[in-house]
Amino acid sequence: MGWKWQLAQKLEIRWWQQYLRNKEVDAYLSAKKAYWHRVLREIDVSIPKHAKVLDAGCGPAGIFMALPDCKVWATDPLMDHYQQKIPHFQTVDYPWTTFQNETIEDLNKVAEFDIIFCLNVINHVNDIKRAMDALVQAAKPGATFVLSIDAHRYPWLKTIFQTLPGDVLHPHQYALEDYRLMLEKRHCQIVQSLCLKPGRIFDYWILVARCPGD
């Protein structure tokens, strides 16, 4: 899996540069913040003021943007590249957020966060089992875990994509039930499943789970 992840990381930063190349900075950031507020309304997750929040695999425009009343820890292994190569991302714009250049697998936090967001990133990681373990370990007892994923609609296509590099940006290829099982095996209780965007090959889902209690 190592070479697939390394290739995906190189292509990821290129994708962001290409995607944002012709987007005016202020207009893009305003639209992205509005998008995150819509997502929060749709999933109806309560986020208290001063909550400790993890934005795992945040990218240059993660949900940290929409959480100014929280204490946010935002991680991404491409963080240094975003700061150097993407003008839309300036850490000084988000004083409530601590940014860290690290993988989810290396998070090394224990029972620290009230709410964990891992949005459209878990299938980008190198070691998905270690990443899921690290996320659950980082949650306080009973914390909310919000996971969004592109989930395969058809088992036969999932098998093809797992065998051949048909989607090089995403080293991991799974169906919705696979992701549900990943959470349940770690004793997370799924409280909400919402399809935000259906597609021909993948559907875009958000799973909201309650992490294990005391």
C-alpha atoms as a PDB file:
ATOM      1  CA  MET A   1       0.000   0.000   0.000  1.00  0.00           C
ATOM      2  CA  GLY A   2       2.928   2.351   0.565  1.00  0.00           C
ATOM      3  CA  TRP A   3       3.587   3.223  -3.090  1.00  0.00           C
ATOM      4  CA  LYS A   4      -0.113   3.738  -3.770  1.00  0.00           C
ATOM      5  CA  TRP A   5      -0.353   6.189  -0.897  1.00  0.00           C
ATOM      6  CA  GLN A   6       2.771   8.075  -1.945  1.00  0.00           C
ATOM      7  CA  LEU A   7       1.449   8.393  -5.498  1.00  0.00           C
ATOM      8  CA  ALA A   8      -1.961   9.501  -4.213  1.00  0.00           C
ATOM      9  CA  GLN A   9      -0.340  12.209  -2.077  1.00  0.00           C
ATOM     10  CA  LYS A  10       1.592  13.622  -5.033  1.00  0.00           C
ATOM     11  CA  LEU A  11      -1.536  13.668  -7.147  1.00  0.00           C
ATOM     12  CA  GLU A  12      -3.603  15.167  -4.325  1.00  0.00           C
ATOM     13  CA  ILE A  13      -1.581  18.368  -4.074  1.00  0.00           C
ATOM     14  CA  ARG A  14      -1.584  18.684  -7.872  1.00  0.00           C
ATOM     15  CA  TRP A  15      -5.353  18.230  -7.861  1.00  0.00           C
ATOM     16  CA  TRP A  16      -5.799  21.056  -5.354  1.00  0.00           C
ATOM     17  CA  GLN A  17      -3.510  23.366  -7.301  1.00  0.00           C
ATOM     18  CA  GLN A  18      -5.397  22.691 -10.531  1.00  0.00           C
ATOM     19  CA  TYR A  19      -8.824  22.938  -8.891  1.00  0.00           C
ATOM     20  CA  LEU A  20      -8.105  26.263  -7.198  1.00  0.00           C
ATOM     21  CA  ARG A  21      -6.011  27.805  -9.959  1.00  0.00           C
ATOM     22  CA  ASN A  22      -8.737  30.052 -11.373  1.00  0.00           C
ATOM     23  CA  LYS A  23     -10.829  30.480  -8.224  1.00  0.00           C
ATOM     24  CA  GLU A  24     -10.813  33.914  -6.603  1.00  0.00           C
ATOM     25  CA  VAL A  25      -9.637  33.499  -3.023  1.00  0.00           C
ATOM     26  CA  ASP A  26     -12.317  35.375  -1.071  1.00  0.00           C
ATOM     27  CA  ALA A  27     -15.193  34.031  -3.164  1.00  0.00           C
ATOM     28  CA  TYR A  28     -13.978  30.457  -2.823  1.00  0.00           C
ATOM     29  CA  LEU A  29     -13.468  30.675   0.938  1.00  0.00           C
ATOM     30  CA  SER A  30     -16.884  32.257   1.433  1.00  0.00           C
ATOM     31  CA  ALA A  31     -18.569  29.527  -0.613  1.00  0.00           C
ATOM     32  CA  LYS A  32     -16.659  26.800   1.215  1.00  0.00           C
ATOM     33  CA  LYS A  33     -17.635  28.117   4.645  1.00  0.00           C
ATOM     34  CA  ALA A  34     -21.264  28.258   3.524  1.00  0.00           C
ATOM     35  CA  TYR A  35     -20.984  24.652   2.331  1.00  0.00           C
ATOM     36  CA  TRP A  36     -19.692  23.467   5.709  1.00  0.00           C
ATOM     37  CA  HIS A  37     -22.510  25.279   7.507  1.00  0.00           C
ATOM     38  CA  ARG A  38     -25.032  23.516   5.231  1.00  0.00           C
ATOM     39  CA  VAL A  39     -23.450  20.154   6.021  1.00  0.00           C
ATOM     40  CA  LEU A  40     -23.636  20.821   9.758  1.00  0.00           C
ATOM     41  CA  ARG A  41     -27.308  21.743   9.457  1.00  0.00           C
ATOM     42  CA  GLU A  42     -28.072  18.598   7.465  1.00  0.00           C
ATOM     43  CA  ILE A  43     -26.432  16.210   9.904  1.00  0.00           C
ATOM     44  CA  ASP A  44     -27.787  18.175  12.886  1.00  0.00           C
ATOM     45  CA  VAL A  45     -24.724  17.629  15.068  1.00  0.00           C
ATOM     46  CA  SER A  46     -24.603  19.824  18.152  1.00  0.00           C
ATOM     47  CA  ILE A  47     -21.226  21.503  18.613  1.00  0.00           C
ATOM     48  CA  PRO A  48     -20.968  23.314  21.954  1.00  0.00           C
ATOM     49  CA  LYS A  49     -18.883  26.454  22.278  1.00  0.00           C
ATOM     50  CA  HIS A  50     -15.300  25.735  23.278  1.00  0.00           C
ATOM     51  CA  ALA A  51     -15.606  22.077  22.261  1.00  0.00           C
ATOM     52  CA  LYS A  52     -12.352  20.340  21.411  1.00  0.00           C
ATOM     53  CA  VAL A  53     -12.642  19.269  17.784  1.00  0.00           C
ATOM     54  CA  LEU A  54     -10.422  17.187  15.528  1.00  0.00           C
ATOM     55  CA  ASP A  55     -10.470  17.859  11.786  1.00  0.00           C
ATOM     56  CA  ALA A  56      -8.507  14.825  10.584  1.00  0.00           C
ATOM     57  CA  GLY A  57      -7.121  15.073   7.069  1.00  0.00           C
ATOM     58  CA  CYS A  58      -8.419  18.618   6.858  1.00  0.00           C
ATOM     59  CA  GLY A  59      -6.991  19.690   3.511  1.00  0.00           C
ATOM     60  CA  PRO A  60      -6.647  23.407   2.754  1.00  0.00           C
ATOM     61  CA  ALA A  61     -10.336  24.172   3.263  1.00  0.00           C
ATOM     62  CA  GLY A  62     -11.645  21.778   5.907  1.00  0.00           C
ATOM     63  CA  ILE A  63     -14.497  22.100   8.341  1.00  0.00           C
ATOM     64  CA  PHE A  64     -12.161  23.947  10.727  1.00  0.00           C
ATOM     65  CA  MET A  65     -13.154  27.042   8.715  1.00  0.00           C
ATOM     66  CA  ALA A  66     -16.680  26.931  10.116  1.00  0.00           C
ATOM     67  CA  LEU A  67     -15.853  26.366  13.811  1.00  0.00           C
ATOM     68  CA  PRO A  68     -14.545  29.678  15.215  1.00  0.00           C
ATOM     69  CA  ASP A  69     -16.077  29.030  18.649  1.00  0.00           C
ATOM     70  CA  CYS A  70     -14.207  25.748  19.099  1.00  0.00           C
ATOM     71  CA  LYS A  71     -10.688  24.660  19.868  1.00  0.00           C
ATOM     72  CA  VAL A  72      -9.709  22.792  16.701  1.00  0.00           C
ATOM     73  CA  TRP A  73      -6.778  20.505  15.989  1.00  0.00           C
ATOM     74  CA  ALA A  74      -6.436  20.100  12.206  1.00  0.00           C
ATOM     75  CA  THR A  75      -4.044  17.573  10.692  1.00  0.00           C
ATOM     76  CA  ASP A  76      -2.931  16.701   7.188  1.00  0.00           C
ATOM     77  CA  PRO A  77       0.277  15.130   5.831  1.00  0.00           C
ATOM     78  CA  LEU A  78       0.266  17.731   3.042  1.00  0.00           C
ATOM     79  CA  MET A  79      -0.076  20.720   5.369  1.00  0.00           C
ATOM     80  CA  ASP A  80       3.339  22.157   4.524  1.00  0.00           C
ATOM     81  CA  HIS A  81       2.590  21.883   0.802  1.00  0.00           C
ATOM     82  CA  TYR A  82      -0.743  23.666   1.219  1.00  0.00           C
ATOM     83  CA  GLN A  83       0.928  26.561   3.009  1.00  0.00           C
ATOM     84  CA  GLN A  84       3.631  26.872   0.363  1.00  0.00           C
ATOM     85  CA  LYS A  85       1.632  26.268  -2.814  1.00  0.00           C
ATOM     86  CA  ILE A  86      -2.011  27.263  -2.228  1.00  0.00           C
ATOM     87  CA  PRO A  87      -2.811  30.959  -1.676  1.00  0.00           C
ATOM     88  CA  HIS A  88      -6.340  30.078  -0.539  1.00  0.00           C
ATOM     89  CA  PHE A  89      -4.906  28.576   2.655  1.00  0.00           C
ATOM     90  CA  GLN A  90      -3.420  30.882   5.288  1.00  0.00           C
ATOM     91  CA  THR A  91      -3.180  29.536   8.832  1.00  0.00           C
ATOM     92  CA  VAL A  92      -3.341  33.043  10.330  1.00  0.00           C
ATOM     93  CA  ASP A  93      -6.962  33.282   9.166  1.00  0.00           C
ATOM     94  CA  TYR A  94      -7.963  30.592  11.682  1.00  0.00           C
ATOM     95  CA  PRO A  95      -6.569  31.532  15.114  1.00  0.00           C
ATOM     96  CA  TRP A  96      -8.855  28.990  16.815  1.00  0.00           C
ATOM     97  CA  THR A  97      -7.110  26.148  14.959  1.00  0.00           C
ATOM     98  CA  THR A  98      -3.822  24.382  15.609  1.00  0.00           C
ATOM     99  CA  PHE A  99      -2.482  22.946  12.355  1.00  0.00           C
ATOM    100  CA  GLN A 100      -0.228  19.926  12.294  1.00  0.00           C
ATOM    101  CA  ASN A 101       1.599  18.278   9.399  1.00  0.00           C
ATOM    102  CA  GLU A 102       0.954  14.619  10.231  1.00  0.00           C
ATOM    103  CA  THR A 103      -0.896  11.540   9.070  1.00  0.00           C
ATOM    104  CA  ILE A 104      -3.967  10.261  10.858  1.00  0.00           C
ATOM    105  CA  GLU A 105      -2.080   7.076  11.687  1.00  0.00           C
ATOM    106  CA  ASP A 106       0.479   9.131  13.642  1.00  0.00           C
ATOM    107  CA  LEU A 107      -2.081  11.224  15.511  1.00  0.00           C
ATOM    108  CA  ASN A 108      -1.162   9.780  18.925  1.00  0.00           C
ATOM    109  CA  LYS A 109      -3.949  11.485  20.900  1.00  0.00           C
ATOM    110  CA  VAL A 110      -5.839   9.711  23.684  1.00  0.00           C
ATOM    111  CA  ALA A 111      -9.381  10.615  24.826  1.00  0.00           C
ATOM    112  CA  GLU A 112      -8.885  14.266  23.904  1.00  0.00           C
ATOM    113  CA  PHE A 113     -11.675  15.372  21.539  1.00  0.00           C
ATOM    114  CA  ASP A 114     -15.398  15.977  21.979  1.00  0.00           C
ATOM    115  CA  ILE A 115     -16.074  15.782  18.247  1.00  0.00           C
ATOM    116  CA  ILE A 116     -14.051  14.135  15.489  1.00  0.00           C
ATOM    117  CA  PHE A 117     -14.501  14.950  11.825  1.00  0.00           C
ATOM    118  CA  CYS A 118     -12.878  12.776   9.168  1.00  0.00           C
ATOM    119  CA  LEU A 119     -14.427  14.081   5.961  1.00  0.00           C
ATOM    120  CA  ASN A 120     -13.733  12.581   2.563  1.00  0.00           C
ATOM    121  CA  VAL A 121     -10.277  11.426   3.649  1.00  0.00           C
ATOM    122  CA  ILE A 122     -10.280   7.949   5.242  1.00  0.00           C
ATOM    123  CA  ASN A 123      -9.880   6.276   1.834  1.00  0.00           C
ATOM    124  CA  HIS A 124      -6.823   8.485   1.204  1.00  0.00           C
ATOM    125  CA  VAL A 125      -4.787   7.148   4.145  1.00  0.00           C
ATOM    126  CA  ASN A 126      -1.907   4.704   4.001  1.00  0.00           C
ATOM    127  CA  ASP A 127      -3.058   2.208   6.662  1.00  0.00           C
ATOM    128  CA  ILE A 128      -6.830   2.412   7.095  1.00  0.00           C
ATOM    129  CA  LYS A 129      -6.977   0.115  10.142  1.00  0.00           C
ATOM    130  CA  ARG A 130      -4.364   2.136  12.015  1.00  0.00           C
ATOM    131  CA  ALA A 131      -6.076   5.361  10.999  1.00  0.00           C
ATOM    132  CA  MET A 132      -9.468   4.222  12.293  1.00  0.00           C
ATOM    133  CA  ASP A 133      -7.888   3.004  15.526  1.00  0.00           C
ATOM    134  CA  ALA A 134      -6.142   6.348  16.000  1.00  0.00           C
ATOM    135  CA  LEU A 135      -9.355   8.311  15.446  1.00  0.00           C
ATOM    136  CA  VAL A 136     -11.376   6.289  17.941  1.00  0.00           C
ATOM    137  CA  GLN A 137      -8.524   6.406  20.455  1.00  0.00           C
ATOM    138  CA  ALA A 138      -8.458  10.213  20.163  1.00  0.00           C
ATOM    139  CA  ALA A 139     -12.142  10.503  21.105  1.00  0.00           C
ATOM    140  CA  LYS A 140     -13.353  11.232  24.598  1.00  0.00           C
ATOM    141  CA  PRO A 141     -15.812   8.641  25.955  1.00  0.00           C
ATOM    142  CA  GLY A 142     -19.126   9.141  24.166  1.00  0.00           C
ATOM    143  CA  ALA A 143     -17.662  11.646  21.670  1.00  0.00           C
ATOM    144  CA  THR A 144     -19.286  12.225  18.287  1.00  0.00           C
ATOM    145  CA  PHE A 145     -17.474  10.816  15.257  1.00  0.00           C
ATOM    146  CA  VAL A 146     -18.496  12.206  11.844  1.00  0.00           C
ATOM    147  CA  LEU A 147     -17.134  10.211   8.913  1.00  0.00           C
ATOM    148  CA  SER A 148     -17.844  11.009   5.266  1.00  0.00           C
ATOM    149  CA  ILE A 149     -16.914   8.637   2.469  1.00  0.00           C
ATOM    150  CA  ASP A 150     -17.294   7.843  -1.189  1.00  0.00           C
ATOM    151  CA  ALA A 151     -18.863   4.382  -1.024  1.00  0.00           C
ATOM    152  CA  HIS A 152     -19.040   1.913  -3.894  1.00  0.00           C
ATOM    153  CA  ARG A 153     -22.541   1.171  -5.127  1.00  0.00           C
ATOM    154  CA  TYR A 154     -21.749  -2.140  -6.862  1.00  0.00           C
ATOM    155  CA  PRO A 155     -19.737  -5.053  -5.380  1.00  0.00           C
ATOM    156  CA  TRP A 156     -18.293  -6.079  -8.747  1.00  0.00           C
ATOM    157  CA  LEU A 157     -16.941  -2.591  -9.407  1.00  0.00           C
ATOM    158  CA  LYS A 158     -15.501  -2.437  -5.908  1.00  0.00           C
ATOM    159  CA  THR A 159     -13.570  -5.631  -6.629  1.00  0.00           C
ATOM    160  CA  ILE A 160     -12.225  -4.217  -9.900  1.00  0.00           C
ATOM    161  CA  PHE A 161     -11.165  -0.942  -8.271  1.00  0.00           C
ATOM    162  CA  GLN A 162      -9.486  -2.829  -5.425  1.00  0.00           C
ATOM    163  CA  THR A 163      -7.503  -4.896  -7.938  1.00  0.00           C
ATOM    164  CA  LEU A 164      -6.645  -2.247 -10.524  1.00  0.00           C
ATOM    165  CA  PRO A 165      -5.543   1.375  -9.956  1.00  0.00           C
ATOM    166  CA  GLY A 166      -8.704   2.831 -11.463  1.00  0.00           C
ATOM    167  CA  ASP A 167      -8.902   5.600  -8.844  1.00  0.00           C
ATOM    168  CA  VAL A 168      -5.335   6.485  -7.909  1.00  0.00           C
ATOM    169  CA  LEU A 169      -6.294   9.367  -5.606  1.00  0.00           C
ATOM    170  CA  HIS A 170      -8.041   6.883  -3.298  1.00  0.00           C
ATOM    171  CA  PRO A 171      -5.890   3.881  -2.319  1.00  0.00           C
ATOM    172  CA  HIS A 172      -8.828   2.258  -0.464  1.00  0.00           C
ATOM    173  CA  GLN A 173     -12.026   1.138  -2.141  1.00  0.00           C
ATOM    174  CA  TYR A 174     -14.994   0.080   0.010  1.00  0.00           C
ATOM    175  CA  ALA A 175     -18.772  -0.040   0.133  1.00  0.00           C
ATOM    176  CA  LEU A 176     -20.956   1.647   2.742  1.00  0.00           C
ATOM    177  CA  GLU A 177     -21.371  -1.548   4.728  1.00  0.00           C
ATOM    178  CA  ASP A 178     -17.590  -1.938   4.950  1.00  0.00           C
ATOM    179  CA  TYR A 179     -17.271   1.477   6.567  1.00  0.00           C
ATOM    180  CA  ARG A 180     -20.143   0.756   8.923  1.00  0.00           C
ATOM    181  CA  LEU A 181     -18.386  -2.426  10.031  1.00  0.00           C
ATOM    182  CA  MET A 182     -15.143  -0.518  10.624  1.00  0.00           C
ATOM    183  CA  LEU A 183     -16.964   1.714  13.087  1.00  0.00           C
ATOM    184  CA  GLU A 184     -18.948  -1.072  14.734  1.00  0.00           C
ATOM    185  CA  LYS A 185     -15.849  -3.245  15.232  1.00  0.00           C
ATOM    186  CA  ARG A 186     -14.414  -0.361  17.231  1.00  0.00           C
ATOM    187  CA  HIS A 187     -17.583  -0.235  19.377  1.00  0.00           C
ATOM    188  CA  CYS A 188     -18.893   2.967  17.794  1.00  0.00           C
ATOM    189  CA  GLN A 189     -22.679   3.219  17.633  1.00  0.00           C
ATOM    190  CA  ILE A 190     -23.920   4.604  14.330  1.00  0.00           C
ATOM    191  CA  VAL A 191     -26.717   7.083  15.007  1.00  0.00           C
ATOM    192  CA  GLN A 192     -27.178   8.600  11.558  1.00  0.00           C
ATOM    193  CA  SER A 193     -26.523   7.634   7.925  1.00  0.00           C
ATOM    194  CA  LEU A 194     -27.096  10.281   5.282  1.00  0.00           C
ATOM    195  CA  CYS A 195     -26.463  10.129   1.534  1.00  0.00           C
ATOM    196  CA  LEU A 196     -25.432  13.663   0.558  1.00  0.00           C
ATOM    197  CA  LYS A 197     -24.788  12.968  -3.105  1.00  0.00           C
ATOM    198  CA  PRO A 198     -25.706   9.877  -5.147  1.00  0.00           C
ATOM    199  CA  GLY A 199     -23.484   8.952  -8.069  1.00  0.00           C
ATOM    200  CA  ARG A 200     -23.078   6.402 -10.828  1.00  0.00           C
ATOM    201  CA  ILE A 201     -20.202   4.487  -9.221  1.00  0.00           C
ATOM    202  CA  PHE A 202     -19.925   6.016  -5.739  1.00  0.00           C
ATOM    203  CA  ASP A 203     -22.470   7.530  -3.385  1.00  0.00           C
ATOM    204  CA  TYR A 204     -21.222  10.200  -0.989  1.00  0.00           C
ATOM    205  CA  TRP A 205     -22.297   9.306   2.559  1.00  0.00           C
ATOM    206  CA  ILE A 206     -21.951  10.780   6.007  1.00  0.00           C
ATOM    207  CA  LEU A 207     -22.009   8.462   8.997  1.00  0.00           C
ATOM    208  CA  VAL A 208     -22.457   9.952  12.451  1.00  0.00           C
ATOM    209  CA  ALA A 209     -21.418   7.660  15.309  1.00  0.00           C
ATOM    210  CA  ARG A 210     -21.163   7.767  19.080  1.00  0.00           C
ATOM    211  CA  CYS A 211     -17.757   6.633  20.297  1.00  0.00           C
ATOM    212  CA  PRO A 212     -17.450   4.090  23.130  1.00  0.00           C
ATOM    213  CA  GLY A 213     -18.360   5.420  26.581  1.00  0.00           C
ATOM    214  CA  ASP A 214     -16.805   4.748  29.948  1.00  0.00           C
END
